[in-house]
């Protein structure tokens, strides 16, 4: 390439305005600035993720505690149902024994008087 032709291109601009080294330095400075911004963005993103994880963990713990207490309440309700059923069965058994004792006592009193209870079988 001839020197006239070289001066007609962007090469002439580079020579007249600081040359290639200046452009390289500005480009390197721009790259360094972009890398620094990217690093800052990554650190902010990392902090936000940690904050989100902490917040999520806290809300999960709260939710977990809520479900644990609900399950505990359900367990207590089931226990109460079982206790009530057992109580009813014990009362029925005690009532049957009481009726049987009353029947035996009533039959003994009638036998002393010479009477009896007539049981009709079908």
N, C-alpha and C. Protein backbone atom coordinates (compact mmCIF):
# COMPACT_ATOMS: atom_id res chain seq x y z
N UNK A 1 0.83 -1.17 0.00
CA UNK A 1 0.00 0.00 0.00
C UNK A 1 0.89 1.25 0.00
N UNK A 2 0.46 2.19 -0.71
CA UNK A 2 1.29 3.41 -0.78
C UNK A 2 1.00 4.29 0.43
N UNK A 3 1.88 5.20 0.68
CA UNK A 3 1.73 6.05 1.85
C UNK A 3 0.57 7.02 1.68
N UNK A 4 0.25 7.42 0.43
CA UNK A 4 -0.90 8.30 0.20
C UNK A 4 -2.20 7.60 0.55
N UNK A 5 -2.21 6.39 0.12
CA UNK A 5 -3.42 5.61 0.39
C UNK A 5 -3.59 5.36 1.89
N UNK A 6 -2.50 5.13 2.57
CA UNK A 6 -2.55 4.90 4.02
C UNK A 6 -3.04 6.14 4.75
N UNK A 7 -2.67 7.29 4.26
CA UNK A 7 -3.08 8.52 4.90
C UNK A 7 -4.54 8.84 4.62
N UNK A 8 -5.14 8.22 3.60
CA UNK A 8 -6.54 8.47 3.26
C UNK A 8 -7.48 7.62 4.11
N UNK A 9 -6.97 6.65 4.81
CA UNK A 9 -7.83 5.74 5.59
C UNK A 9 -7.86 6.15 7.05
N UNK A 10 -8.43 5.28 7.86
CA UNK A 10 -8.53 5.55 9.29
C UNK A 10 -7.17 5.56 9.97
N UNK A 11 -6.20 4.96 9.30
CA UNK A 11 -4.84 4.97 9.82
C UNK A 11 -4.37 6.40 10.03
N UNK A 12 -4.72 7.29 9.06
CA UNK A 12 -4.35 8.69 9.17
C UNK A 12 -4.97 9.29 10.42
N UNK A 13 -6.22 8.94 10.70
CA UNK A 13 -6.91 9.45 11.88
C UNK A 13 -6.20 9.00 13.15
N UNK A 14 -5.80 7.74 13.14
CA UNK A 14 -5.12 7.20 14.32
C UNK A 14 -3.78 7.90 14.55
N UNK A 15 -3.08 8.17 13.49
CA UNK A 15 -1.78 8.82 13.63
C UNK A 15 -1.96 10.25 14.11
N UNK A 16 -2.96 10.92 13.54
CA UNK A 16 -3.17 12.33 13.90
C UNK A 16 -3.80 12.50 15.28
N UNK A 17 -4.49 11.50 15.77
CA UNK A 17 -5.19 11.64 17.05
C UNK A 17 -4.70 10.68 18.13
N UNK A 18 -3.51 10.42 18.22
CA UNK A 18 -2.94 9.67 19.32
C UNK A 18 -2.52 8.27 18.97
N UNK A 19 -2.87 7.77 17.87
CA UNK A 19 -2.39 6.47 17.43
C UNK A 19 -3.11 5.30 18.05
N UNK A 20 -2.59 4.14 17.77
CA UNK A 20 -3.19 2.87 18.17
C UNK A 20 -3.07 2.64 19.66
N UNK A 21 -1.97 3.06 20.24
CA UNK A 21 -1.73 2.82 21.67
C UNK A 21 -2.77 3.54 22.53
N UNK A 22 -3.17 4.71 22.14
CA UNK A 22 -4.17 5.45 22.90
C UNK A 22 -5.50 4.72 22.85
N UNK A 23 -5.84 4.25 21.66
CA UNK A 23 -7.11 3.50 21.53
C UNK A 23 -7.06 2.22 22.36
N UNK A 24 -5.93 1.57 22.33
CA UNK A 24 -5.79 0.33 23.10
C UNK A 24 -5.94 0.62 24.59
N UNK A 25 -5.32 1.72 25.03
CA UNK A 25 -5.43 2.08 26.45
C UNK A 25 -6.87 2.43 26.83
N UNK A 26 -7.55 3.18 25.98
CA UNK A 26 -8.94 3.51 26.29
C UNK A 26 -9.82 2.27 26.27
N UNK A 27 -9.53 1.37 25.32
CA UNK A 27 -10.31 0.13 25.27
C UNK A 27 -10.02 -0.73 26.51
N UNK A 28 -8.78 -0.79 26.92
CA UNK A 28 -8.43 -1.55 28.13
C UNK A 28 -9.08 -0.94 29.36
N UNK A 29 -9.11 0.40 29.41
CA UNK A 29 -9.76 1.07 30.54
C UNK A 29 -11.26 0.78 30.52
N UNK A 30 -11.86 0.80 29.33
CA UNK A 30 -13.29 0.51 29.22
C UNK A 30 -13.58 -0.94 29.63
N UNK A 31 -12.72 -1.86 29.22
CA UNK A 31 -12.88 -3.27 29.60
C UNK A 31 -12.74 -3.43 31.10
N UNK A 32 -11.75 -2.74 31.68
CA UNK A 32 -11.56 -2.81 33.14
C UNK A 32 -12.79 -2.27 33.86
N UNK A 33 -13.34 -1.16 33.35
CA UNK A 33 -14.54 -0.59 33.94
C UNK A 33 -15.72 -1.56 33.84
N UNK A 34 -15.89 -2.18 32.69
CA UNK A 34 -16.98 -3.15 32.51
C UNK A 34 -16.80 -4.37 33.42
N UNK A 35 -15.56 -4.83 33.56
CA UNK A 35 -15.30 -5.96 34.46
C UNK A 35 -15.61 -5.59 35.90
N UNK A 36 -15.25 -4.36 36.28
CA UNK A 36 -15.53 -3.89 37.63
C UNK A 36 -17.04 -3.81 37.87
N UNK A 37 -17.77 -3.29 36.89
CA UNK A 37 -19.23 -3.22 37.00
C UNK A 37 -19.84 -4.62 37.08
N UNK A 38 -19.31 -5.55 36.28
CA UNK A 38 -19.82 -6.92 36.31
C UNK A 38 -19.56 -7.55 37.67
N UNK A 39 -18.37 -7.28 38.24
CA UNK A 39 -18.05 -7.82 39.57
C UNK A 39 -19.00 -7.25 40.62
N UNK A 40 -19.27 -5.94 40.55
CA UNK A 40 -20.21 -5.31 41.49
C UNK A 40 -21.60 -5.90 41.34
N UNK A 41 -22.03 -6.10 40.10
CA UNK A 41 -23.36 -6.69 39.85
C UNK A 41 -23.43 -8.10 40.42
N UNK A 42 -22.35 -8.87 40.22
CA UNK A 42 -22.32 -10.24 40.76
C UNK A 42 -22.38 -10.23 42.28
N UNK A 43 -21.63 -9.30 42.90
CA UNK A 43 -21.64 -9.26 44.37
C UNK A 43 -23.02 -8.83 44.88
N UNK A 44 -23.65 -7.87 44.21
CA UNK A 44 -25.00 -7.45 44.61
C UNK A 44 -25.98 -8.61 44.42
N UNK A 45 -25.87 -9.31 43.29
CA UNK A 45 -26.74 -10.46 43.03
C UNK A 45 -26.54 -11.54 44.09
N UNK A 46 -25.27 -11.77 44.46
CA UNK A 46 -24.97 -12.77 45.48
C UNK A 46 -25.60 -12.39 46.82
N UNK A 47 -25.48 -11.09 47.18
CA UNK A 47 -26.08 -10.61 48.43
C UNK A 47 -27.59 -10.77 48.39
N UNK A 48 -28.19 -10.42 47.25
CA UNK A 48 -29.65 -10.57 47.11
C UNK A 48 -30.08 -12.02 47.22
N UNK A 49 -29.30 -12.93 46.62
CA UNK A 49 -29.63 -14.35 46.71
C UNK A 49 -29.52 -14.84 48.14
N UNK A 50 -28.47 -14.40 48.85
CA UNK A 50 -28.33 -14.80 50.25
C UNK A 50 -29.47 -14.24 51.08
N UNK A 51 -29.83 -12.99 50.80
CA UNK A 51 -30.94 -12.37 51.51
C UNK A 51 -32.24 -13.12 51.21
N UNK A 52 -32.42 -13.49 49.94
CA UNK A 52 -33.62 -14.24 49.56
C UNK A 52 -33.63 -15.60 50.24
N UNK A 53 -32.47 -16.27 50.27
CA UNK A 53 -32.39 -17.58 50.93
C UNK A 53 -32.72 -17.45 52.41
N UNK A 54 -32.18 -16.41 53.05
CA UNK A 54 -32.45 -16.20 54.47
C UNK A 54 -33.92 -15.91 54.68
N UNK A 55 -34.47 -15.04 53.84
CA UNK A 55 -35.88 -14.70 53.96
C UNK A 55 -36.74 -15.91 53.69
N UNK A 56 -36.38 -16.69 52.66
CA UNK A 56 -37.14 -17.89 52.33
C UNK A 56 -37.05 -18.89 53.47
N UNK A 57 -35.85 -19.03 54.03
CA UNK A 57 -35.66 -19.96 55.14
C UNK A 57 -36.50 -19.54 56.35
N UNK A 58 -36.51 -18.25 56.64
CA UNK A 58 -37.31 -17.76 57.77
C UNK A 58 -38.79 -18.01 57.54
N UNK A 59 -39.26 -17.69 56.33
CA UNK A 59 -40.68 -17.90 56.05
C UNK A 59 -41.00 -19.39 56.04
N UNK A 60 -40.06 -20.21 55.55
CA UNK A 60 -40.27 -21.65 55.56
C UNK A 60 -40.35 -22.18 56.98
N UNK A 61 -39.46 -21.68 57.85
CA UNK A 61 -39.49 -22.10 59.25
C UNK A 61 -40.82 -21.71 59.91
N UNK A 62 -41.29 -20.50 59.61
CA UNK A 62 -42.58 -20.05 60.16
C UNK A 62 -43.70 -20.94 59.66
N UNK A 63 -43.68 -21.22 58.36
CA UNK A 63 -44.71 -22.08 57.77
C UNK A 63 -44.61 -23.48 58.34
N UNK A 64 -43.39 -23.96 58.49
CA UNK A 64 -43.18 -25.30 59.04
C UNK A 64 -43.69 -25.37 60.48
N UNK A 65 -43.43 -24.32 61.26
CA UNK A 65 -43.94 -24.27 62.64
C UNK A 65 -45.46 -24.28 62.65
N UNK A 66 -46.06 -23.55 61.71
CA UNK A 66 -47.52 -23.50 61.62
C UNK A 66 -48.07 -24.89 61.33
N UNK A 67 -47.49 -25.56 60.31
CA UNK A 67 -47.97 -26.90 59.98
C UNK A 67 -47.70 -27.88 61.12
N UNK A 68 -46.57 -27.72 61.80
CA UNK A 68 -46.27 -28.60 62.93
C UNK A 68 -47.31 -28.43 64.03
N UNK A 69 -47.68 -27.18 64.31
CA UNK A 69 -48.68 -26.95 65.36
C UNK A 69 -50.05 -27.46 64.91
N UNK A 70 -50.38 -27.30 63.62
CA UNK A 70 -51.65 -27.84 63.12
C UNK A 70 -51.68 -29.36 63.23
N UNK A 71 -50.58 -30.00 62.84
CA UNK A 71 -50.51 -31.46 62.96
C UNK A 71 -50.58 -31.89 64.42
N UNK A 72 -49.96 -31.12 65.29
CA UNK A 72 -50.02 -31.43 66.72
C UNK A 72 -51.47 -31.30 67.22
N UNK A 73 -52.16 -30.25 66.77
CA UNK A 73 -53.56 -30.06 67.17
C UNK A 73 -54.42 -31.21 66.63
N UNK A 74 -54.16 -31.63 65.38
CA UNK A 74 -54.92 -32.76 64.82
C UNK A 74 -54.66 -34.02 65.63
N UNK A 75 -53.39 -34.22 66.00
CA UNK A 75 -53.05 -35.38 66.83
C UNK A 75 -53.75 -35.32 68.17
N UNK A 76 -53.81 -34.14 68.78
CA UNK A 76 -54.51 -33.99 70.06
C UNK A 76 -56.00 -34.25 69.90
N UNK A 77 -56.59 -33.78 68.80
CA UNK A 77 -58.01 -34.02 68.56
C UNK A 77 -58.29 -35.51 68.38
N UNK A 78 -57.40 -36.20 67.65
CA UNK A 78 -57.57 -37.64 67.49
C UNK A 78 -57.42 -38.36 68.83
N UNK A 79 -56.46 -37.92 69.63
CA UNK A 79 -56.29 -38.50 70.97
C UNK A 79 -57.54 -38.29 71.82
N UNK A 80 -58.12 -37.08 71.74
CA UNK A 80 -59.34 -36.80 72.49
C UNK A 80 -60.49 -37.69 72.04
N UNK A 81 -60.60 -37.92 70.72
CA UNK A 81 -61.65 -38.80 70.22
C UNK A 81 -61.48 -40.21 70.77
N UNK A 82 -60.25 -40.70 70.77
CA UNK A 82 -59.97 -42.04 71.28
C UNK A 82 -60.27 -42.11 72.78
N UNK A 83 -59.88 -41.08 73.51
CA UNK A 83 -60.14 -41.04 74.95
C UNK A 83 -61.64 -41.01 75.22
N UNK A 84 -62.38 -40.21 74.43
CA UNK A 84 -63.84 -40.16 74.61
C UNK A 84 -64.47 -41.52 74.35
N UNK A 85 -64.04 -42.19 73.28
CA UNK A 85 -64.58 -43.52 72.97
C UNK A 85 -64.26 -44.50 74.10
N UNK A 86 -63.03 -44.45 74.58
CA UNK A 86 -62.64 -45.35 75.67
C UNK A 86 -63.46 -45.04 76.92
N UNK A 87 -63.69 -43.76 77.18
CA UNK A 87 -64.48 -43.35 78.33
C UNK A 87 -65.91 -43.86 78.21
N UNK A 88 -66.47 -43.77 77.02
CA UNK A 88 -67.84 -44.28 76.79
C UNK A 88 -67.89 -45.78 77.03
N UNK A 89 -66.87 -46.50 76.52
CA UNK A 89 -66.86 -47.95 76.72
C UNK A 89 -66.74 -48.30 78.20
N UNK A 90 -65.91 -47.59 78.93
CA UNK A 90 -65.75 -47.85 80.37
C UNK A 90 -67.05 -47.54 81.10
N UNK A 91 -67.72 -46.44 80.75
CA UNK A 91 -69.00 -46.11 81.39
C UNK A 91 -70.06 -47.16 81.10
N UNK A 92 -70.11 -47.61 79.84
CA UNK A 92 -71.08 -48.66 79.49
C UNK A 92 -70.84 -49.92 80.31
N UNK A 93 -69.57 -50.30 80.41
CA UNK A 93 -69.24 -51.50 81.17
C UNK A 93 -69.62 -51.32 82.64
N UNK A 94 -69.33 -50.17 83.21
CA UNK A 94 -69.68 -49.91 84.60
C UNK A 94 -71.20 -49.90 84.78
N UNK A 95 -71.93 -49.35 83.82
CA UNK A 95 -73.39 -49.33 83.89
C UNK A 95 -73.96 -50.74 83.79
N UNK A 96 -73.38 -51.57 82.91
CA UNK A 96 -73.83 -52.97 82.81
C UNK A 96 -73.60 -53.70 84.13
N UNK A 97 -72.41 -53.49 84.74
CA UNK A 97 -72.16 -54.14 86.03
C UNK A 97 -73.13 -53.66 87.09
N UNK A 98 -73.42 -52.37 87.09
CA UNK A 98 -74.36 -51.81 88.06
C UNK A 98 -75.75 -52.40 87.86
N UNK A 99 -76.21 -52.47 86.61
CA UNK A 99 -77.52 -53.07 86.33
C UNK A 99 -77.54 -54.54 86.75
N UNK A 100 -76.46 -55.25 86.49
CA UNK A 100 -76.41 -56.66 86.86
C UNK A 100 -76.44 -56.82 88.39
N UNK A 101 -75.69 -55.97 89.10
CA UNK A 101 -75.71 -56.02 90.58
C UNK A 101 -77.11 -55.70 91.10
N UNK A 102 -77.74 -54.67 90.53
CA UNK A 102 -79.10 -54.33 90.94
C UNK A 102 -80.06 -55.48 90.66
N UNK A 103 -79.88 -56.11 89.51
CA UNK A 103 -80.76 -57.24 89.15
C UNK A 103 -80.57 -58.39 90.14
N UNK A 104 -79.30 -58.71 90.44
CA UNK A 104 -79.03 -59.80 91.38
C UNK A 104 -79.59 -59.45 92.75
N UNK A 105 -79.43 -58.22 93.21
CA UNK A 105 -79.95 -57.79 94.51
C UNK A 105 -81.48 -57.84 94.51
N UNK A 106 -82.10 -57.37 93.47
CA UNK A 106 -83.56 -57.36 93.38
C UNK A 106 -84.10 -58.80 93.36
N UNK A 107 -83.41 -59.67 92.60
CA UNK A 107 -83.82 -61.08 92.55
C UNK A 107 -83.67 -61.75 93.93
N UNK A 108 -82.59 -61.42 94.67
CA UNK A 108 -82.38 -62.00 96.01
C UNK A 108 -83.48 -61.52 96.97
N UNK A 109 -83.86 -60.23 96.87
CA UNK A 109 -84.93 -59.71 97.73
C UNK A 109 -86.26 -60.39 97.41
N UNK A 110 -86.52 -60.60 96.15
CA UNK A 110 -87.76 -61.28 95.76
C UNK A 110 -87.75 -62.74 96.22
N UNK A 111 -86.59 -63.41 96.13
CA UNK A 111 -86.49 -64.79 96.58
C UNK A 111 -86.75 -64.90 98.08
N UNK A 112 -86.31 -63.91 98.88
CA UNK A 112 -86.57 -63.92 100.32
C UNK A 112 -88.06 -63.84 100.60
N UNK A 113 -88.79 -63.13 99.74
CA UNK A 113 -90.23 -63.00 99.91
C UNK A 113 -90.99 -64.17 99.29
N UNK A 114 -90.24 -65.05 98.59
CA UNK A 114 -90.86 -66.19 97.96
C UNK A 114 -91.35 -65.89 96.56
N UNK A 115 -90.90 -64.85 96.00
CA UNK A 115 -91.29 -64.47 94.65
C UNK A 115 -90.09 -64.66 93.71
N UNK A 116 -90.38 -64.63 92.44
CA UNK A 116 -89.28 -64.72 91.49
C UNK A 116 -89.62 -63.89 90.25
N UNK A 117 -88.60 -63.65 89.47
CA UNK A 117 -88.77 -62.94 88.21
C UNK A 117 -89.01 -63.97 87.15
N UNK A 118 -90.11 -63.82 86.43
CA UNK A 118 -90.47 -64.77 85.37
C UNK A 118 -89.76 -64.35 84.09
N UNK A 119 -88.92 -65.27 83.59
CA UNK A 119 -88.21 -65.03 82.34
C UNK A 119 -88.90 -65.82 81.27
N UNK A 120 -89.42 -65.11 80.31
CA UNK A 120 -90.11 -65.77 79.22
C UNK A 120 -89.18 -65.91 78.05
N UNK A 121 -88.99 -67.15 77.65
CA UNK A 121 -88.10 -67.38 76.51
C UNK A 121 -88.93 -67.53 75.27
N UNK A 122 -88.49 -66.96 74.25
CA UNK A 122 -89.23 -67.03 72.98
C UNK A 122 -88.51 -67.94 72.02
